[in-house]
């Protein structure tokens, strides 16, 4: 006889905190990017995030609001 395991779904608050952490990580890495190529790579992650989460506010729009000027070494 097969055994079934109950999968516990996360609470809405847990999902919201996880989403917040992901968004904060992307924004932080964009702000810390030292080169245009690093900033572009993070920006593509933001594009992928926006496409995967059409109901959420645009992460790319948040990046656009941040005036990114990479540190000139």
N, C-alpha and C. Protein backbone atom coordinates (compact mmCIF):
# COMPACT_ATOMS: atom_id res chain seq x y z
N UNK A 1 0.85 -1.18 0.00
CA UNK A 1 0.00 0.00 0.00
C UNK A 1 0.90 1.24 0.00
N UNK A 2 0.61 2.22 -0.90
CA UNK A 2 1.45 3.41 -0.97
C UNK A 2 1.28 4.29 0.28
N UNK A 3 2.36 4.96 0.62
CA UNK A 3 2.34 5.88 1.75
C UNK A 3 2.28 7.30 1.21
N UNK A 4 1.38 8.09 1.75
CA UNK A 4 1.23 9.47 1.33
C UNK A 4 1.80 10.39 2.40
N UNK A 5 2.49 11.41 1.95
CA UNK A 5 3.07 12.38 2.86
C UNK A 5 2.37 13.71 2.64
N UNK A 6 1.90 14.28 3.71
CA UNK A 6 1.24 15.57 3.63
C UNK A 6 2.30 16.67 3.45
N UNK A 7 2.12 17.48 2.41
CA UNK A 7 3.05 18.57 2.14
C UNK A 7 2.47 19.83 2.77
N UNK A 8 3.23 20.42 3.67
CA UNK A 8 2.78 21.62 4.35
C UNK A 8 3.08 22.83 3.48
N UNK A 9 2.07 23.59 3.16
CA UNK A 9 2.23 24.79 2.36
C UNK A 9 2.70 25.94 3.27
N UNK A 10 3.59 26.79 2.76
CA UNK A 10 4.04 27.91 3.58
C UNK A 10 2.92 28.93 3.79
N UNK A 11 3.00 29.65 4.87
CA UNK A 11 2.03 30.70 5.15
C UNK A 11 2.24 31.87 4.18
N UNK A 12 1.21 32.67 3.99
CA UNK A 12 1.35 33.84 3.11
C UNK A 12 2.44 34.78 3.60
N UNK A 13 2.56 34.92 4.91
CA UNK A 13 3.60 35.80 5.44
C UNK A 13 4.99 35.25 5.13
N UNK A 14 5.16 33.93 5.17
CA UNK A 14 6.44 33.34 4.83
C UNK A 14 6.77 33.56 3.35
N UNK A 15 5.78 33.45 2.50
CA UNK A 15 5.98 33.71 1.07
C UNK A 15 6.34 35.17 0.83
N UNK A 16 5.67 36.06 1.53
CA UNK A 16 5.94 37.49 1.37
C UNK A 16 7.36 37.83 1.80
N UNK A 17 7.82 37.26 2.92
CA UNK A 17 9.19 37.51 3.38
C UNK A 17 10.21 36.93 2.41
N UNK A 18 9.92 35.77 1.84
CA UNK A 18 10.82 35.16 0.86
C UNK A 18 10.92 36.04 -0.38
N UNK A 19 9.79 36.56 -0.85
CA UNK A 19 9.78 37.44 -2.01
C UNK A 19 10.57 38.72 -1.70
N UNK A 20 10.37 39.26 -0.52
CA UNK A 20 11.09 40.46 -0.09
C UNK A 20 12.59 40.22 -0.10
N UNK A 21 13.01 39.07 0.41
CA UNK A 21 14.44 38.74 0.48
C UNK A 21 15.05 38.64 -0.91
N UNK A 22 14.34 38.04 -1.84
CA UNK A 22 14.84 37.91 -3.21
C UNK A 22 14.96 39.28 -3.86
N UNK A 23 13.93 40.11 -3.70
CA UNK A 23 13.96 41.45 -4.29
C UNK A 23 15.09 42.28 -3.68
N UNK A 24 15.26 42.20 -2.38
CA UNK A 24 16.31 42.95 -1.70
C UNK A 24 17.69 42.49 -2.15
N UNK A 25 17.85 41.19 -2.37
CA UNK A 25 19.12 40.65 -2.86
C UNK A 25 19.45 41.20 -4.24
N UNK A 26 18.48 41.20 -5.14
CA UNK A 26 18.72 41.71 -6.49
C UNK A 26 19.03 43.20 -6.46
N UNK A 27 18.26 43.96 -5.69
CA UNK A 27 18.52 45.39 -5.59
C UNK A 27 19.89 45.68 -4.99
N UNK A 28 20.27 44.93 -3.98
CA UNK A 28 21.57 45.12 -3.34
C UNK A 28 22.72 44.79 -4.27
N UNK A 29 22.59 43.70 -5.03
CA UNK A 29 23.66 43.35 -5.96
C UNK A 29 23.76 44.35 -7.09
N UNK A 30 22.63 44.93 -7.51
CA UNK A 30 22.65 45.96 -8.55
C UNK A 30 23.37 47.21 -8.03
N UNK A 31 23.05 47.60 -6.82
CA UNK A 31 23.69 48.79 -6.23
C UNK A 31 25.18 48.57 -6.01
N UNK A 32 25.58 47.33 -5.74
CA UNK A 32 26.98 47.03 -5.45
C UNK A 32 27.79 46.68 -6.69
N UNK A 33 27.15 46.61 -7.85
CA UNK A 33 27.86 46.23 -9.08
C UNK A 33 28.97 47.24 -9.37
N UNK A 34 30.14 46.72 -9.68
CA UNK A 34 31.29 47.56 -9.93
C UNK A 34 31.51 47.86 -11.41
N UNK A 35 30.91 47.05 -12.27
CA UNK A 35 31.07 47.25 -13.71
C UNK A 35 29.70 47.25 -14.39
N UNK A 36 29.68 47.77 -15.59
CA UNK A 36 28.42 47.76 -16.35
C UNK A 36 27.97 46.33 -16.64
N UNK A 37 28.91 45.43 -16.87
CA UNK A 37 28.53 44.04 -17.17
C UNK A 37 27.90 43.37 -15.94
N UNK A 38 28.41 43.66 -14.75
CA UNK A 38 27.79 43.13 -13.53
C UNK A 38 26.38 43.68 -13.36
N UNK A 39 26.23 44.99 -13.58
CA UNK A 39 24.92 45.62 -13.45
C UNK A 39 23.94 45.05 -14.47
N UNK A 40 24.41 44.81 -15.68
CA UNK A 40 23.56 44.26 -16.73
C UNK A 40 23.12 42.84 -16.39
N UNK A 41 24.03 42.04 -15.85
CA UNK A 41 23.67 40.67 -15.46
C UNK A 41 22.59 40.67 -14.39
N UNK A 42 22.71 41.54 -13.41
CA UNK A 42 21.70 41.63 -12.35
C UNK A 42 20.38 42.15 -12.93
N UNK A 43 20.49 43.08 -13.86
CA UNK A 43 19.28 43.62 -14.50
C UNK A 43 18.51 42.52 -15.24
N UNK A 44 19.24 41.61 -15.90
CA UNK A 44 18.56 40.50 -16.57
C UNK A 44 17.87 39.58 -15.55
N UNK A 45 18.45 39.43 -14.39
CA UNK A 45 17.78 38.66 -13.33
C UNK A 45 16.47 39.35 -12.94
N UNK A 46 16.50 40.68 -12.87
CA UNK A 46 15.30 41.42 -12.54
C UNK A 46 14.23 41.26 -13.62
N UNK A 47 14.65 41.24 -14.87
CA UNK A 47 13.71 41.01 -15.97
C UNK A 47 13.08 39.62 -15.83
N UNK A 48 13.89 38.62 -15.55
CA UNK A 48 13.38 37.26 -15.37
C UNK A 48 12.42 37.19 -14.18
N UNK A 49 12.75 37.89 -13.10
CA UNK A 49 11.88 37.93 -11.92
C UNK A 49 10.53 38.54 -12.29
N UNK A 50 10.56 39.67 -13.01
CA UNK A 50 9.31 40.33 -13.40
C UNK A 50 8.45 39.43 -14.28
N UNK A 51 9.08 38.71 -15.20
CA UNK A 51 8.33 37.80 -16.07
C UNK A 51 7.73 36.64 -15.29
N UNK A 52 8.44 36.16 -14.27
CA UNK A 52 7.96 35.04 -13.47
C UNK A 52 6.91 35.46 -12.44
N UNK A 53 6.86 36.77 -12.14
CA UNK A 53 5.92 37.28 -11.12
C UNK A 53 5.14 38.46 -11.68
N UNK A 54 4.24 38.21 -12.63
CA UNK A 54 3.54 39.32 -13.27
C UNK A 54 2.62 40.10 -12.33
N UNK A 55 2.22 39.53 -11.22
CA UNK A 55 1.34 40.22 -10.28
C UNK A 55 2.07 41.14 -9.31
N UNK A 56 3.39 41.01 -9.24
CA UNK A 56 4.19 41.82 -8.31
C UNK A 56 4.59 43.13 -8.98
N UNK A 57 4.95 44.10 -8.16
CA UNK A 57 5.42 45.37 -8.72
C UNK A 57 6.74 45.12 -9.46
N UNK A 58 6.98 45.92 -10.47
CA UNK A 58 8.13 45.70 -11.35
C UNK A 58 9.45 45.98 -10.64
N UNK A 59 10.30 44.98 -10.64
CA UNK A 59 11.63 45.12 -10.06
C UNK A 59 12.53 45.93 -11.01
N UNK A 60 12.30 45.79 -12.30
CA UNK A 60 13.07 46.58 -13.28
C UNK A 60 12.77 48.07 -13.09
N UNK A 61 11.53 48.40 -12.80
CA UNK A 61 11.17 49.80 -12.55
C UNK A 61 11.91 50.33 -11.32
N UNK A 62 12.08 49.49 -10.31
CA UNK A 62 12.84 49.92 -9.12
C UNK A 62 14.30 50.14 -9.47
N UNK A 63 14.85 49.28 -10.35
CA UNK A 63 16.23 49.48 -10.78
C UNK A 63 16.36 50.76 -11.59
N UNK A 64 15.37 51.05 -12.40
CA UNK A 64 15.39 52.28 -13.21
C UNK A 64 15.37 53.52 -12.31
N UNK A 65 14.70 53.42 -11.18
CA UNK A 65 14.62 54.55 -10.25
C UNK A 65 15.97 54.78 -9.56
N UNK A 66 16.79 53.73 -9.49
CA UNK A 66 18.11 53.83 -8.89
C UNK A 66 19.08 54.28 -9.96
N UNK A 67 19.75 55.39 -9.76
CA UNK A 67 20.70 55.91 -10.74
C UNK A 67 22.02 55.17 -10.57
N UNK A 68 22.19 54.11 -11.33
CA UNK A 68 23.39 53.28 -11.17
C UNK A 68 24.56 53.86 -11.94
N UNK A 69 25.59 54.15 -11.23
CA UNK A 69 26.85 54.60 -11.82
C UNK A 69 27.93 53.70 -11.24
N UNK A 70 28.42 52.74 -12.01
CA UNK A 70 29.45 51.82 -11.47
C UNK A 70 30.69 52.59 -11.00
N UNK A 71 31.29 52.05 -9.99
CA UNK A 71 32.51 52.63 -9.44
C UNK A 71 33.62 52.54 -10.48
N UNK A 72 34.24 53.65 -10.75
CA UNK A 72 35.35 53.67 -11.71
C UNK A 72 36.64 53.37 -10.98
N UNK A 73 37.21 52.23 -11.27
CA UNK A 73 38.44 51.79 -10.58
C UNK A 73 39.66 52.46 -11.13
